[in-house]
């Protein structure tokens, strides 16, 4: 069974990996994903220039009935230099995604300049979609600013670079962002980050379940799968074929992975379920995916990728 992918000349022996923000803040956590026999890569915590403790607690909550999670972590991370040290020391045959998320355009440009000048030879993810930093909007909802940032980035950046996007909810938004992204030599697009600014109320206390931002936070897990699949599908239909897709959102089973691939995903990231289940989730998901492919008579993901059927 061929469960592989290729992005920007990097070969992935498995298509599963962690989503930035989950089991990837410390070197030990990163190692646990990198050394798994069932992951194709590891993604670092989205780095800011300096260490950030993130928002106050409680800032993470698992929803009842297995619907998913809500969080307002606020980009806690060990700082850019910490992850630069890790990615340059841990370069192996398994690819590494170095994720960065500056709180301003200049912070992103400064970090990307440092990566460009470094010995790091993996892939870079520019996170334009964090919904949980108070007072900081999700950049990729501002199409003009997104184009300005990418124009400046690609005036100097030559290493494989992709962007992580927030969820879009209107066809015209898919059209607009794809028209912008297609102007640049992006290696990949990652969709989606959590659905921003949801609200969950505790049934017993009538109180919000997280403290930051008055209870507003990013929603993930099964409840966001339909939105995630729609974004993967819509963007795959609109983006240049050279731009690969990373599907993220609502993955709790091998069937969910299969559906992301069916919509066009080359790789699939696991977020909420990884936080809940730990790194053993990768083995379970891959075995469930392989069983589905076998049952349907497929020998390779290439036979499935992007082959979603519509009703004529």
Protein backbone atom coordinates (compact mmCIF):
# COMPACT_ATOMS: atom_id res chain seq x y z
CA UNK A 1 0.00 0.00 0.00
CA UNK A 2 1.49 3.33 -1.11
CA UNK A 3 0.68 5.96 1.55
CA UNK A 4 3.23 8.54 0.47
CA UNK A 5 3.34 12.12 -0.80
CA UNK A 6 5.79 14.64 -2.19
CA UNK A 7 5.96 18.40 -1.64
CA UNK A 8 8.66 20.62 -3.11
CA UNK A 9 10.96 17.65 -3.65
CA UNK A 10 10.53 16.35 -0.11
CA UNK A 11 9.32 12.76 0.13
CA UNK A 12 6.87 11.80 2.87
CA UNK A 13 6.72 8.09 3.67
CA UNK A 14 3.48 8.69 5.58
CA UNK A 15 0.90 11.44 5.08
CA UNK A 16 0.04 12.11 8.72
CA UNK A 17 1.64 14.78 10.89
CA UNK A 18 0.79 17.05 13.80
CA UNK A 19 -0.90 20.40 13.41
CA UNK A 20 1.17 23.36 14.60
CA UNK A 21 0.21 24.06 18.19
CA UNK A 22 -0.34 20.45 19.27
CA UNK A 23 2.38 18.25 20.84
CA UNK A 24 5.12 20.45 19.40
CA UNK A 25 6.04 23.18 21.87
CA UNK A 26 9.08 21.54 23.47
CA UNK A 27 11.89 19.53 21.94
CA UNK A 28 10.63 16.41 23.71
CA UNK A 29 7.17 16.85 22.22
CA UNK A 30 8.62 17.48 18.77
CA UNK A 31 10.79 14.38 19.11
CA UNK A 32 7.76 12.25 19.98
CA UNK A 33 6.13 13.18 16.66
CA UNK A 34 9.33 13.09 14.62
CA UNK A 35 10.29 9.60 15.82
CA UNK A 36 6.85 8.05 15.36
CA UNK A 37 6.83 5.25 12.81
CA UNK A 38 3.54 6.58 11.42
CA UNK A 39 4.27 10.27 10.79
CA UNK A 40 5.62 11.74 7.59
CA UNK A 41 6.94 14.92 9.19
CA UNK A 42 6.78 17.15 12.24
CA UNK A 43 5.55 20.74 12.47
CA UNK A 44 6.99 23.09 15.06
CA UNK A 45 4.88 25.29 17.29
CA UNK A 46 4.23 28.50 15.42
CA UNK A 47 7.13 30.64 16.60
CA UNK A 48 7.08 34.29 17.59
CA UNK A 49 10.34 36.24 17.83
CA UNK A 50 10.49 35.86 21.60
CA UNK A 51 9.15 33.39 24.15
CA UNK A 52 5.42 33.78 24.81
CA UNK A 53 3.58 32.28 27.79
CA UNK A 54 0.28 32.70 25.95
CA UNK A 55 -3.09 33.56 27.43
CA UNK A 56 -4.29 33.00 30.97
CA UNK A 57 -5.93 29.72 32.00
CA UNK A 58 -8.34 28.05 31.64
CA UNK A 59 -7.63 28.35 27.91
CA UNK A 60 -8.44 24.87 26.59
CA UNK A 61 -11.59 22.75 26.95
CA UNK A 62 -12.86 19.51 25.45
CA UNK A 63 -16.48 19.74 24.38
CA UNK A 64 -19.04 17.22 25.60
CA UNK A 65 -20.27 14.36 23.41
CA UNK A 66 -16.96 14.21 21.55
CA UNK A 67 -17.74 17.23 19.39
CA UNK A 68 -14.24 18.66 19.62
CA UNK A 69 -12.35 21.34 21.50
CA UNK A 70 -12.23 25.07 22.08
CA UNK A 71 -9.06 26.93 22.95
CA UNK A 72 -7.62 30.38 23.29
CA UNK A 73 -3.99 29.45 23.88
CA UNK A 74 -2.60 32.72 22.56
CA UNK A 75 0.46 31.29 20.76
CA UNK A 76 2.46 30.04 23.75
CA UNK A 77 5.88 29.05 22.41
CA UNK A 78 9.54 28.95 23.31
CA UNK A 79 10.56 31.66 20.86
CA UNK A 80 12.11 31.68 17.40
CA UNK A 81 15.68 30.88 18.45
CA UNK A 82 14.56 27.77 20.34
CA UNK A 83 12.89 26.30 17.28
CA UNK A 84 15.69 27.40 14.97
CA UNK A 85 18.12 25.46 17.13
CA UNK A 86 15.84 22.44 17.03
CA UNK A 87 15.20 22.37 13.28
CA UNK A 88 18.86 22.86 12.36
CA UNK A 89 20.05 20.16 14.76
CA UNK A 90 17.32 17.63 13.93
CA UNK A 91 17.50 17.62 10.15
CA UNK A 92 16.97 13.98 9.19
CA UNK A 93 15.43 12.05 6.33
CA UNK A 94 12.00 12.93 7.74
CA UNK A 95 10.99 16.47 6.70
CA UNK A 96 10.43 19.25 9.20
CA UNK A 97 8.02 22.16 8.86
CA UNK A 98 9.23 25.30 10.65
CA UNK A 99 6.07 27.27 11.47
CA UNK A 100 6.24 31.00 12.21
CA UNK A 101 3.51 33.40 13.30
CA UNK A 102 4.68 36.92 13.93
CA UNK A 103 2.28 39.35 15.56
CA UNK A 104 3.06 41.92 12.87
CA UNK A 105 4.16 42.00 9.24
CA UNK A 106 7.65 43.07 10.26
CA UNK A 107 8.01 40.23 12.78
CA UNK A 108 7.17 37.71 10.06
CA UNK A 109 9.61 39.31 7.62
CA UNK A 110 12.38 39.40 10.22
CA UNK A 111 11.95 35.71 11.08
CA UNK A 112 11.81 34.69 7.42
CA UNK A 113 14.99 36.64 6.72
CA UNK A 114 16.71 34.67 9.48
CA UNK A 115 15.44 31.38 8.09
CA UNK A 116 16.57 32.34 4.59
CA UNK A 117 20.05 33.04 5.91
CA UNK A 118 20.19 29.88 8.05
CA UNK A 119 21.27 26.32 7.31
CA UNK A 120 17.73 25.01 7.71
CA UNK A 121 16.78 23.01 4.63
CA UNK A 122 13.22 21.94 5.39
CA UNK A 123 9.83 23.51 4.69
CA UNK A 124 8.51 26.72 6.20
CA UNK A 125 4.92 27.45 7.17
CA UNK A 126 3.83 31.07 7.46
CA UNK A 127 0.86 31.01 9.80
CA UNK A 128 -1.53 33.77 8.73
CA UNK A 129 -4.47 32.41 10.68
CA UNK A 130 -4.17 32.41 14.48
CA UNK A 131 -7.55 33.51 15.90
CA UNK A 132 -6.59 33.55 19.58
CA UNK A 133 -4.32 36.54 20.17
CA UNK A 134 -6.34 39.38 21.73
CA UNK A 135 -6.31 42.48 19.54
CA UNK A 136 -4.62 40.73 16.59
CA UNK A 137 -6.85 39.91 13.61
CA UNK A 138 -6.37 36.88 11.38
CA UNK A 139 -4.17 38.25 8.62
CA UNK A 140 -5.48 36.01 5.83
CA UNK A 141 -8.97 37.52 6.11
CA UNK A 142 -7.41 40.76 4.84
CA UNK A 143 -6.73 39.89 1.21
CA UNK A 144 -4.86 43.10 0.40
CA UNK A 145 -2.50 42.72 3.36
CA UNK A 146 -1.95 39.04 2.56
CA UNK A 147 -0.86 39.92 -0.96
CA UNK A 148 1.41 42.68 0.32
CA UNK A 149 3.10 40.31 2.77
CA UNK A 150 3.64 37.57 0.21
CA UNK A 151 4.95 40.05 -2.35
CA UNK A 152 7.60 41.23 0.08
CA UNK A 153 8.38 37.72 1.32
CA UNK A 154 9.04 36.35 -2.15
CA UNK A 155 11.27 39.30 -3.00
CA UNK A 156 13.95 37.57 -0.91
CA UNK A 157 12.77 34.14 0.28
CA UNK A 158 13.90 31.16 -1.81
CA UNK A 159 13.26 28.14 0.45
CA UNK A 160 10.05 26.03 0.23
CA UNK A 161 7.31 28.12 1.83
CA UNK A 162 3.63 27.54 2.42
CA UNK A 163 0.86 29.38 4.24
CA UNK A 164 -1.59 28.24 6.88
CA UNK A 165 -5.05 29.70 6.31
CA UNK A 166 -8.15 30.32 8.40
CA UNK A 167 -11.44 28.82 7.25
CA UNK A 168 -13.35 30.66 4.54
CA UNK A 169 -17.12 30.49 4.30
CA UNK A 170 -18.11 32.06 0.98
CA UNK A 171 -17.34 31.05 -2.60
CA UNK A 172 -16.11 34.54 -3.45
CA UNK A 173 -13.61 34.26 -0.62
CA UNK A 174 -12.23 31.04 -2.08
CA UNK A 175 -11.92 32.81 -5.42
CA UNK A 176 -10.23 35.86 -3.94
CA UNK A 177 -7.63 34.08 -1.83
CA UNK A 178 -6.79 31.60 -4.60
CA UNK A 179 -6.27 34.43 -7.07
CA UNK A 180 -3.75 35.95 -4.68
CA UNK A 181 -1.96 32.72 -3.76
CA UNK A 182 -1.60 31.70 -7.41
CA UNK A 183 0.62 34.74 -7.99
CA UNK A 184 3.38 33.24 -5.84
CA UNK A 185 5.62 30.14 -5.95
CA UNK A 186 4.10 28.61 -2.82
CA UNK A 187 5.05 25.03 -2.01
CA UNK A 188 1.80 24.30 -0.17
CA UNK A 189 -1.34 25.70 1.41
CA UNK A 190 -2.58 24.39 4.75
CA UNK A 191 -6.33 24.57 5.41
CA UNK A 192 -7.75 25.05 7.95
CA UNK A 193 -6.82 26.54 11.28
CA UNK A 194 -9.51 26.37 13.95
CA UNK A 195 -12.81 28.18 13.40
CA UNK A 196 -12.21 31.39 15.29
CA UNK A 197 -14.22 32.94 18.05
CA UNK A 198 -16.63 30.21 18.97
CA UNK A 199 -18.25 30.20 22.40
CA UNK A 200 -19.01 27.25 24.68
CA UNK A 201 -21.08 27.48 27.87
CA UNK A 202 -20.91 25.12 30.83
CA UNK A 203 -24.35 23.62 31.39
CA UNK A 204 -24.11 23.51 35.19
CA UNK A 205 -22.66 26.95 35.89
CA UNK A 206 -23.91 28.97 32.87
CA UNK A 207 -20.32 30.20 32.56
CA UNK A 208 -18.02 30.24 29.55
CA UNK A 209 -15.51 27.37 29.67
CA UNK A 210 -12.36 29.35 28.86
CA UNK A 211 -11.16 32.63 30.33
CA UNK A 212 -9.34 34.61 27.60
CA UNK A 213 -11.29 37.00 25.37
CA UNK A 214 -14.41 36.61 27.51
CA UNK A 215 -14.78 32.97 26.51
CA UNK A 216 -14.24 33.29 22.77
CA UNK A 217 -11.86 30.73 21.25
CA UNK A 218 -10.90 28.64 18.27
CA UNK A 219 -13.06 25.56 17.72
CA UNK A 220 -11.55 22.31 16.44
CA UNK A 221 -12.25 18.60 16.23
CA UNK A 222 -15.18 16.74 14.60
CA UNK A 223 -17.43 19.78 14.69
CA UNK A 224 -15.26 21.55 12.07
CA UNK A 225 -14.77 18.68 9.61
CA UNK A 226 -17.35 19.80 7.06
CA UNK A 227 -15.82 23.28 6.94
CA UNK A 228 -12.31 21.85 6.66
CA UNK A 229 -13.25 19.53 3.80
CA UNK A 230 -14.99 22.37 1.97
CA UNK A 231 -11.87 24.53 2.22
CA UNK A 232 -9.55 21.75 1.04
CA UNK A 233 -11.85 20.96 -1.87
CA UNK A 234 -12.47 24.57 -2.91
CA UNK A 235 -8.82 25.55 -2.75
CA UNK A 236 -7.62 22.43 -4.53
CA UNK A 237 -9.99 23.26 -7.40
CA UNK A 238 -8.65 26.81 -7.63
CA UNK A 239 -4.93 26.65 -6.86
CA UNK A 240 -2.15 26.02 -9.32
CA UNK A 241 -1.35 22.28 -9.52
CA UNK A 242 2.19 23.04 -8.32
CA UNK A 243 0.80 24.20 -4.95
CA UNK A 244 0.21 21.17 -2.75
CA UNK A 245 -2.58 20.91 -0.17
CA UNK A 246 -2.27 20.08 3.51
CA UNK A 247 -5.65 19.21 5.00
CA UNK A 248 -6.33 19.98 8.66
CA UNK A 249 -9.52 19.86 10.69
CA UNK A 250 -11.91 17.30 12.15
CA UNK A 251 -9.65 14.27 11.83
CA UNK A 252 -10.55 11.57 14.35
CA UNK A 253 -10.67 8.43 12.16
CA UNK A 254 -9.12 6.87 9.09
CA UNK A 255 -12.31 7.75 7.24
CA UNK A 256 -11.70 11.43 8.01
CA UNK A 257 -8.16 11.16 6.61
CA UNK A 258 -9.54 9.42 3.51
CA UNK A 259 -12.07 12.21 2.94
CA UNK A 260 -9.38 14.90 3.21
CA UNK A 261 -7.36 13.07 0.55
CA UNK A 262 -10.48 12.60 -1.58
CA UNK A 263 -10.94 16.38 -1.47
CA UNK A 264 -7.35 16.89 -2.62
CA UNK A 265 -5.07 16.84 0.42
CA UNK A 266 -1.51 15.63 -0.08
CA UNK A 267 -0.79 15.52 3.66
CA UNK A 268 -3.21 15.47 6.59
CA UNK A 269 -2.56 17.08 9.97
CA UNK A 270 -4.09 16.00 13.26
CA UNK A 271 -4.80 18.57 15.95
CA UNK A 272 -7.54 18.11 18.55
CA UNK A 273 -7.49 14.31 18.42
CA UNK A 274 -3.71 14.29 18.88
CA UNK A 275 -4.14 16.45 22.00
CA UNK A 276 -6.76 14.02 23.31
CA UNK A 277 -5.23 10.67 22.31
CA UNK A 278 -1.49 11.31 22.09
CA UNK A 279 0.92 10.18 19.40
CA UNK A 280 -0.55 6.67 19.27
CA UNK A 281 -3.31 8.26 17.20
CA UNK A 282 -1.07 8.22 14.12
CA UNK A 283 -0.79 4.42 14.03
CA UNK A 284 -4.54 3.97 14.51
CA UNK A 285 -5.42 6.47 11.79
CA UNK A 286 -3.00 5.03 9.25
CA UNK A 287 -4.21 1.48 9.82
CA UNK A 288 -7.83 2.57 9.49
CA UNK A 289 -6.98 4.46 6.30
CA UNK A 290 -5.16 1.47 4.83
CA UNK A 291 -8.14 -0.78 5.62
CA UNK A 292 -10.48 1.57 3.75
CA UNK A 293 -8.21 1.67 0.72
CA UNK A 294 -7.90 -2.12 0.71
CA UNK A 295 -11.65 -2.57 0.98
CA UNK A 296 -12.17 -0.25 -1.98
CA UNK A 297 -9.51 -1.97 -4.07
CA UNK A 298 -6.98 0.87 -4.15
CA UNK A 299 -3.23 0.35 -3.99
CA UNK A 300 -2.16 3.97 -3.69
CA UNK A 301 -3.40 7.31 -2.41
CA UNK A 302 -2.71 8.68 -5.89
CA UNK A 303 -5.77 6.75 -7.07
CA UNK A 304 -7.90 8.63 -4.53
CA UNK A 305 -6.39 12.09 -4.21
CA UNK A 306 -8.76 14.76 -5.49
CA UNK A 307 -11.21 12.23 -6.92
CA UNK A 308 -14.28 13.39 -5.03
CA UNK A 309 -17.43 12.66 -7.03
CA UNK A 310 -20.28 15.07 -7.48
CA UNK A 311 -23.93 14.45 -8.33
CA UNK A 312 -24.55 15.22 -12.01
